[in-house]
Structures are given as structure tokens and as C-alpha cells.
Amino acid sequence: MYYNDDSVLFFDGEYVKAKDAKTDLYSQSLHYGYSVFEGIKSYKTANGIKIFKAEEHYDRLRKSAESMMMPFDYSTKDMVEATYKLLEINRLSNAYIRPIVISSPNMSLSKGQKSYLVIEVWNWDNGYLTNKMRIMTSSFQRPNPKAFKVEAKVSGHYVNSILACQEAKDKGFDEALVLDVNENVAESSGANVFFEQDGKLFTPAKGNILPGITRATVFEICDNLGISYEEKFFKPEEMQGADAGFFCGTAAEIVALDSLDNIPFKLNWEDSLSSKVQTAYRHLVLEEDYLYLKSENLILEK
């Protein structure tokens, strides 16, 4: 699914066959989840192959490495250039891009002495989630911000995501809604969350979440379309039975929600403001003309 005999990845400054790449079995990344990563997507747009928000993603990767005290010398510019070259080598346009910073061999609990950059790419025509998802409130909480660097995208944090997501699937739901240590809504197992009520969008405030780049893009879209939004802390009960809801993330893009804890959202998705955000996001990543949005009546009066 992710690579074949011809696939090439970037490993510590070189382009090598994925099947030949190796990692050390004594690294902290393997034993302790001590690595940081990003999820990025490229699209075949009207203006050629473009990586969406490439600089923002690689800036965040650098910040994540810094927060984990991992030595990391790659510049954002160099990583962006390497990724475009990697897409060209693999002849990919609509692709998922996974850069990861892994550590050198070290079985102690001290910070790593050396790190390595790996960039993997594979074909990705659709998001990993589908529209009209049935979600449930998870029994697992988002990691405590006093115990983890929750705003960094750290590999070890995602064990929590696996547990929450699998719990939901085992109970017949599509995904999980994860709460923070104060029992406020935080995010899904791997995406940020919004709900819509009375013509306004709401999303969890910073502090206990990974504030995603797609989340920030939703704010930009709302500003352009004249849609009101607010960041705040709220309980799942406030979201249950709202007009609409959606998850957003690089892989997921904008994903409509059908229900929370078996309580349906009230509006037909197509009638919601959230649906307009979804459509606008798709046109944005494909670099389609802004006038198209206006012709489709997606521009709202402020």
C-alpha cells in the first residue's frame, strides 16, 4: 500500500529505495516513541503539483524537534525542496507526505545525540475518513499538557490515538471524540473538531489540543466567507444535537459528522455552513479560482 520495489524515500540527505532503507533497532524512536513527524499532502492543481502549506508543516516539524530537545539542522527551505524532488522521482502528484525525525541508538532516557530525517511519499487520492461519520465520546482522554508537549506532533503521543480510535470501532462507531483532562472536548484521535450552531462555528480552544494547520486554514476560509467562529472550552453535551459538525486534518481534509453518541446533527449537511467550508477547502487546495466560489454562492455577506 505504501511502497513497492521502485519506491524511493529521502533518508538523511540521500534518495534511497524504500525496500533497502534500514533503521537501528536500538534507537529511542523504536523503544520510547521519541520521534516527531508531520502529515502533509500534495495535489495536482490547476497550476501544477503543489504541496499544501509546505512551509507551515516543516516549520512545525522543526518546532516539534526543538520541543523534544532533538538535534535537527534541516532548514524548512531544504526540506520543501527535497520533498518536491522526491515527488518527482516517484512520479506522484496527489500524494501523502510523511517526514519523520528519528533518533540515534540510545537506550537511556536522556535526550538524543543525533537525529535523522526521513521523508516518505505515497499515492493518496482520498482522505482516510469518509463523510457522515458516526462518532462516540471516548473513555480515553487527551494526554495531560503538564505531562507531554501536546502542541508537538510526537510519535509516542499517538498510542493514545490508536486506543481511542480502536475503542470506537470496536463499539460500532467510525471514530472517537477525545476529551481533555477537564472533560472538555479536545479533538478526534487524529484530527481537530468543529461544530455548528445557529450560524456559527465552534472549536476547542488551545491548551489541550494539537492546533492543526488545517484548523488554521478553516479560520482563513471562514474569514473569507464571512462565517463567524469561536474558540472555546465546551463539554460534549453542548456538541450533541448541534446543527452540524466536522473533523478536519491534512489527511481527512473536511469530514462531515453524522452523529455524536447516537444523537444526530440536525441539519442536512448540504444545508450547513460547514458544507460550504468543506467545498471551499477543496477548491483552495486545488488552487481553483476564487470566482468559482462566488458563482456557486459560497461567498456570504459579512
Protein backbone atom coordinates (compact mmCIF):
# COMPACT_ATOMS: atom_id res chain seq x y z
CA MET A 1 0.00 0.00 0.00
CA TYR A 2 2.74 2.45 0.93
CA TYR A 3 5.66 1.41 -1.26
CA ASN A 4 6.78 -1.06 -3.89
CA ASP A 5 10.10 -2.22 -5.32
CA ASP A 6 10.55 1.06 -7.20
CA SER A 7 9.58 3.47 -4.40
CA VAL A 8 12.21 5.94 -3.26
CA LEU A 9 12.44 7.80 0.04
CA PHE A 10 14.69 10.53 1.42
CA PHE A 11 16.97 9.29 4.20
CA ASP A 12 19.45 11.60 5.91
CA GLY A 13 20.37 13.53 2.77
CA GLU A 14 20.15 10.70 0.24
CA TYR A 15 17.43 9.28 -2.01
CA VAL A 16 17.28 5.52 -1.50
CA LYS A 17 14.96 2.67 -2.38
CA ALA A 18 12.34 2.23 0.33
CA LYS A 19 12.88 -1.53 0.37
CA ASP A 20 16.58 -1.03 1.14
CA ALA A 21 16.21 1.58 3.90
CA LYS A 22 17.04 0.48 7.45
CA THR A 23 16.64 1.87 10.93
CA ASP A 24 18.50 0.99 14.11
CA LEU A 25 16.81 -1.47 16.45
CA TYR A 26 18.41 0.29 19.44
CA SER A 27 17.02 3.76 18.73
CA GLN A 28 14.91 5.70 21.19
CA SER A 29 12.37 6.18 18.42
CA LEU A 30 11.59 2.48 18.37
CA HIS A 31 11.79 1.83 22.11
CA TYR A 32 10.26 5.02 23.51
CA GLY A 33 8.38 6.73 20.66
CA TYR A 34 11.00 9.50 20.74
CA SER A 35 10.47 10.93 17.26
CA VAL A 36 8.49 13.75 15.68
CA PHE A 37 6.66 13.77 12.38
CA GLU A 38 4.31 15.61 10.04
CA GLY A 39 1.45 14.68 7.75
CA ILE A 40 1.44 16.72 4.53
CA LYS A 41 -0.40 16.40 1.22
CA SER A 42 0.38 17.37 -2.34
CA TYR A 43 -2.21 17.93 -5.04
CA LYS A 44 -2.33 18.08 -8.80
CA THR A 45 -3.65 21.62 -9.08
CA ALA A 46 -4.57 23.96 -11.91
CA ASN A 47 -1.03 25.36 -11.52
CA GLY A 48 0.90 22.10 -11.36
CA ILE A 49 1.84 19.83 -8.47
CA LYS A 50 1.70 21.78 -5.22
CA ILE A 51 2.38 20.80 -1.62
CA PHE A 52 -0.31 22.41 0.51
CA LYS A 53 1.06 24.61 3.32
CA ALA A 54 4.51 23.06 2.94
CA GLU A 55 6.37 25.79 4.82
CA GLU A 56 3.90 25.73 7.72
CA HIS A 57 4.24 21.97 8.10
CA TYR A 58 8.02 21.96 8.01
CA ASP A 59 8.20 24.92 10.38
CA ARG A 60 6.10 22.89 12.80
CA LEU A 61 8.34 19.84 12.35
CA ARG A 62 11.32 21.95 13.35
CA LYS A 63 9.46 23.29 16.39
CA SER A 64 8.42 19.78 17.41
CA ALA A 65 12.02 18.59 17.24
CA GLU A 66 13.14 21.58 19.27
CA SER A 67 10.49 20.97 21.93
CA MET A 68 11.67 17.35 22.23
CA MET A 69 15.31 18.53 22.51
CA MET A 70 16.23 16.62 19.36
CA PRO A 71 19.22 17.97 17.43
CA PHE A 72 17.91 18.91 13.98
CA ASP A 73 19.69 21.07 11.41
CA TYR A 74 17.50 20.91 8.28
CA SER A 75 16.01 24.21 7.15
CA THR A 76 12.41 24.48 6.04
CA LYS A 77 13.57 25.52 2.56
CA ASP A 78 15.80 22.45 2.19
CA MET A 79 13.03 20.10 3.30
CA VAL A 80 10.50 21.61 0.91
CA GLU A 81 12.94 21.30 -2.00
CA ALA A 82 13.78 17.70 -1.06
CA THR A 83 10.09 16.82 -0.95
CA TYR A 84 9.34 18.23 -4.39
CA LYS A 85 12.30 16.26 -5.77
CA LEU A 86 11.05 13.12 -4.04
CA LEU A 87 7.59 13.53 -5.57
CA GLU A 88 9.20 13.90 -8.98
CA ILE A 89 11.38 10.80 -8.53
CA ASN A 90 8.33 8.75 -7.52
CA ARG A 91 6.14 10.32 -10.24
CA LEU A 92 3.47 11.31 -7.74
CA SER A 93 1.06 14.23 -7.79
CA ASN A 94 -1.81 13.52 -5.36
CA ALA A 95 0.28 12.18 -2.52
CA TYR A 96 0.59 11.86 1.22
CA ILE A 97 3.95 13.01 2.58
CA ARG A 98 5.32 11.71 5.88
CA PRO A 99 8.51 13.35 7.15
CA ILE A 100 9.77 11.89 10.41
CA VAL A 101 12.75 12.77 12.57
CA ILE A 102 14.18 9.67 14.22
CA SER A 103 16.88 9.35 16.85
CA SER A 104 20.21 7.60 17.01
CA PRO A 105 20.85 4.46 19.10
CA ASN A 106 20.36 5.29 22.78
CA MET A 107 18.77 3.03 25.36
CA SER A 108 18.90 5.63 28.13
CA LEU A 109 16.25 8.23 28.96
CA SER A 110 18.46 11.20 28.12
CA LYS A 111 17.98 13.37 25.05
CA GLY A 112 19.22 12.07 21.71
CA GLN A 113 22.68 12.95 20.47
CA LYS A 114 21.89 12.72 16.77
CA SER A 115 18.77 12.60 14.63
CA TYR A 116 17.95 11.62 11.06
CA LEU A 117 15.35 12.98 8.66
CA VAL A 118 13.28 10.51 6.68
CA ILE A 119 10.67 11.64 4.11
CA GLU A 120 8.27 9.06 2.70
CA VAL A 121 5.65 9.66 0.00
CA TRP A 122 2.87 7.53 -1.41
CA ASN A 123 -0.18 7.92 -3.61
CA TRP A 124 -3.24 9.27 -1.84
CA ASP A 125 -6.33 10.21 -3.84
CA ASN A 126 -8.80 10.22 -0.96
CA GLY A 127 -8.80 11.04 2.73
CA TYR A 128 -8.66 8.25 5.28
CA LEU A 129 -12.05 9.27 6.62
CA THR A 130 -15.42 9.41 4.89
CA ASN A 131 -18.33 11.80 5.17
CA LYS A 132 -21.23 11.40 7.61
CA MET A 133 -19.21 9.70 10.33
CA ARG A 134 -20.82 8.28 13.44
CA ILE A 135 -18.63 9.21 16.39
CA MET A 136 -18.64 8.46 20.11
CA THR A 137 -17.17 10.14 23.17
CA SER A 138 -14.10 8.12 24.07
CA SER A 139 -13.24 6.83 27.52
CA PHE A 140 -9.62 7.77 26.76
CA GLN A 141 -8.51 11.33 27.46
CA ARG A 142 -6.10 13.51 25.55
CA PRO A 143 -2.65 13.47 27.24
CA ASN A 144 -2.23 15.92 30.10
CA PRO A 145 -0.37 19.05 28.88
CA LYS A 146 1.60 19.02 32.15
CA ALA A 147 2.94 15.58 31.23
CA PHE A 148 3.52 15.99 27.48
CA LYS A 149 4.32 18.67 24.92
CA VAL A 150 0.81 18.40 23.48
CA GLU A 151 1.37 21.02 20.78
CA ALA A 152 4.23 18.99 19.29
CA LYS A 153 3.50 16.19 16.82
CA VAL A 154 5.31 13.38 18.64
CA SER A 155 5.10 9.73 17.60
CA GLY A 156 4.65 8.39 21.13
CA HIS A 157 1.54 10.52 21.68
CA TYR A 158 -0.31 8.53 19.03
CA VAL A 159 -0.58 5.37 21.10
CA ASN A 160 -3.37 7.32 22.80
CA SER A 161 -4.93 7.92 19.38
CA ILE A 162 -4.82 4.22 18.47
CA LEU A 163 -6.54 3.25 21.71
CA ALA A 164 -9.30 5.83 21.28
CA CYS A 165 -9.92 5.06 17.63
CA GLN A 166 -9.99 1.30 18.10
CA GLU A 167 -12.33 1.57 21.07
CA ALA A 168 -14.79 3.45 18.86
CA LYS A 169 -14.52 0.95 16.02
CA ASP A 170 -14.97 -1.99 18.39
CA LYS A 171 -18.24 -0.41 19.55
CA GLY A 172 -19.54 0.06 16.01
CA PHE A 173 -18.65 3.72 15.50
CA ASP A 174 -16.44 5.26 12.84
CA GLU A 175 -14.26 7.44 15.06
CA ALA A 176 -13.72 8.80 18.55
CA LEU A 177 -14.19 12.19 20.13
CA VAL A 178 -11.50 12.57 22.77
CA LEU A 179 -11.87 14.80 25.84
CA ASP A 180 -9.15 16.62 27.76
CA VAL A 181 -8.24 16.25 31.44
CA ASN A 182 -11.04 18.67 32.33
CA GLU A 183 -13.64 16.61 30.42
CA ASN A 184 -13.90 19.26 27.71
CA VAL A 185 -13.93 18.26 24.04
CA ALA A 186 -10.39 18.19 22.64
CA GLU A 187 -10.21 16.51 19.22
CA SER A 188 -10.65 13.20 17.44
CA SER A 189 -8.00 10.50 17.51
CA GLY A 190 -6.16 12.32 14.71
CA ALA A 191 -7.99 15.48 13.67
CA ASN A 192 -9.41 18.73 15.05
CA VAL A 193 -13.14 19.16 15.55
CA PHE A 194 -15.74 21.88 14.89
CA PHE A 195 -19.46 22.05 15.49
CA GLU A 196 -22.02 24.47 14.07
CA GLN A 197 -24.88 26.05 16.00
CA ASP A 198 -27.16 28.92 14.95
CA GLY A 199 -24.97 30.09 12.09
CA LYS A 200 -21.67 29.99 13.98
CA LEU A 201 -18.78 27.51 14.20
CA PHE A 202 -17.16 26.47 17.48
CA THR A 203 -13.89 24.63 18.06
CA PRO A 204 -11.89 23.74 21.21
CA ALA A 205 -9.52 26.43 22.47
CA LYS A 206 -5.78 25.86 22.63
CA GLY A 207 -4.16 24.38 25.69
CA ASN A 208 -5.04 20.69 25.47
CA ILE A 209 -5.05 20.14 21.69
CA LEU A 210 -2.69 19.95 18.76
CA PRO A 211 -3.78 23.13 16.93
CA GLY A 212 -3.68 21.83 13.39
CA ILE A 213 -2.67 23.58 10.21
CA THR A 214 -5.98 22.56 8.61
CA ARG A 215 -7.76 24.06 11.64
CA ALA A 216 -5.98 27.36 10.95
CA THR A 217 -6.98 27.07 7.29
CA VAL A 218 -10.63 26.70 8.33
CA PHE A 219 -10.30 30.03 10.15
CA GLU A 220 -8.92 31.61 6.96
CA ILE A 221 -11.82 30.22 4.94
CA CYS A 222 -14.36 31.47 7.48
CA ASP A 223 -12.82 34.94 7.34
CA ASN A 224 -13.10 34.92 3.54
CA LEU A 225 -16.66 33.59 3.51
CA GLY A 226 -17.94 35.75 6.34
CA ILE A 227 -18.64 32.83 8.67
CA SER A 228 -18.42 33.52 12.41
CA TYR A 229 -16.37 31.18 14.58
CA GLU A 230 -15.18 30.95 18.16
CA GLU A 231 -12.50 29.01 20.05
CA LYS A 232 -13.75 27.96 23.48
CA PHE A 233 -13.87 25.13 26.00
CA PHE A 234 -17.05 23.07 25.91
CA LYS A 235 -18.47 19.74 27.05
CA PRO A 236 -19.59 17.02 24.62
CA GLU A 237 -23.21 17.62 25.68
CA GLU A 238 -23.06 21.05 24.06
CA MET A 239 -21.99 19.49 20.78
CA GLN A 240 -24.56 16.69 20.86
CA GLY A 241 -27.55 17.51 18.68
CA ALA A 242 -25.96 20.67 17.25
CA ASP A 243 -26.77 21.81 13.71
CA ALA A 244 -23.67 20.19 12.18
CA GLY A 245 -20.15 19.03 12.98
CA PHE A 246 -16.94 18.11 11.20
CA PHE A 247 -13.42 16.84 11.70
CA CYS A 248 -10.53 18.50 9.89
CA GLY A 249 -6.93 17.49 9.25
CA THR A 250 -4.40 17.09 6.48
CA ALA A 251 -5.37 13.53 5.61
CA ALA A 252 -9.05 13.87 6.47
CA GLU A 253 -9.48 17.33 4.90
CA ILE A 254 -13.03 18.35 6.00
CA VAL A 255 -15.16 15.39 7.08
CA ALA A 256 -18.86 15.71 7.84
CA LEU A 257 -20.18 14.11 11.02
CA ASP A 258 -23.50 12.29 11.16
CA SER A 259 -23.97 11.93 14.91
CA LEU A 260 -22.29 12.09 18.30
CA ASP A 261 -23.12 9.34 20.79
CA ASN A 262 -26.02 8.28 18.55
CA ILE A 263 -27.55 11.78 18.66
CA PRO A 264 -27.80 13.06 15.06
CA PHE A 265 -26.78 16.52 13.99
CA LYS A 266 -29.89 18.46 12.98
CA LEU A 267 -29.21 19.98 9.56
CA ASN A 268 -28.81 18.19 6.28
CA TRP A 269 -25.09 18.51 5.65
CA GLU A 270 -25.66 20.18 2.30
CA ASP A 271 -27.66 22.95 4.02
CA SER A 272 -24.99 23.77 6.60
CA LEU A 273 -22.31 26.44 6.67
CA SER A 274 -19.89 23.62 7.44
CA SER A 275 -20.61 22.17 3.99
CA LYS A 276 -19.59 25.49 2.43
CA VAL A 277 -16.31 25.34 4.35
CA GLN A 278 -15.74 21.81 3.06
CA THR A 279 -16.31 22.88 -0.55
CA ALA A 280 -14.14 25.97 -0.18
CA TYR A 281 -11.30 23.91 1.31
CA ARG A 282 -11.34 21.52 -1.62
CA HIS A 283 -11.16 24.39 -4.10
CA LEU A 284 -8.39 26.01 -2.08
CA VAL A 285 -6.06 23.00 -2.07
CA LEU A 286 -6.63 22.52 -5.80
CA GLU A 287 -5.92 26.24 -6.38
CA GLU A 288 -9.17 26.75 -8.23
CA ASP A 289 -10.35 30.27 -8.98
CA TYR A 290 -11.89 32.23 -6.11
CA LEU A 291 -14.54 33.46 -8.54
CA TYR A 292 -15.77 29.87 -8.78
CA LEU A 293 -16.75 30.05 -5.12
CA LYS A 294 -18.68 33.23 -5.78
CA SER A 295 -20.50 31.71 -8.74
CA GLU A 296 -21.52 28.78 -6.54
CA ASN A 297 -22.94 31.18 -3.92
CA LEU A 298 -20.32 30.18 -1.37
CA ILE A 299 -19.40 33.76 -0.53
CA LEU A 300 -21.53 35.00 2.35
CA GLU A 301 -22.36 38.58 3.31
CA LYS A 302 -20.46 39.68 6.41
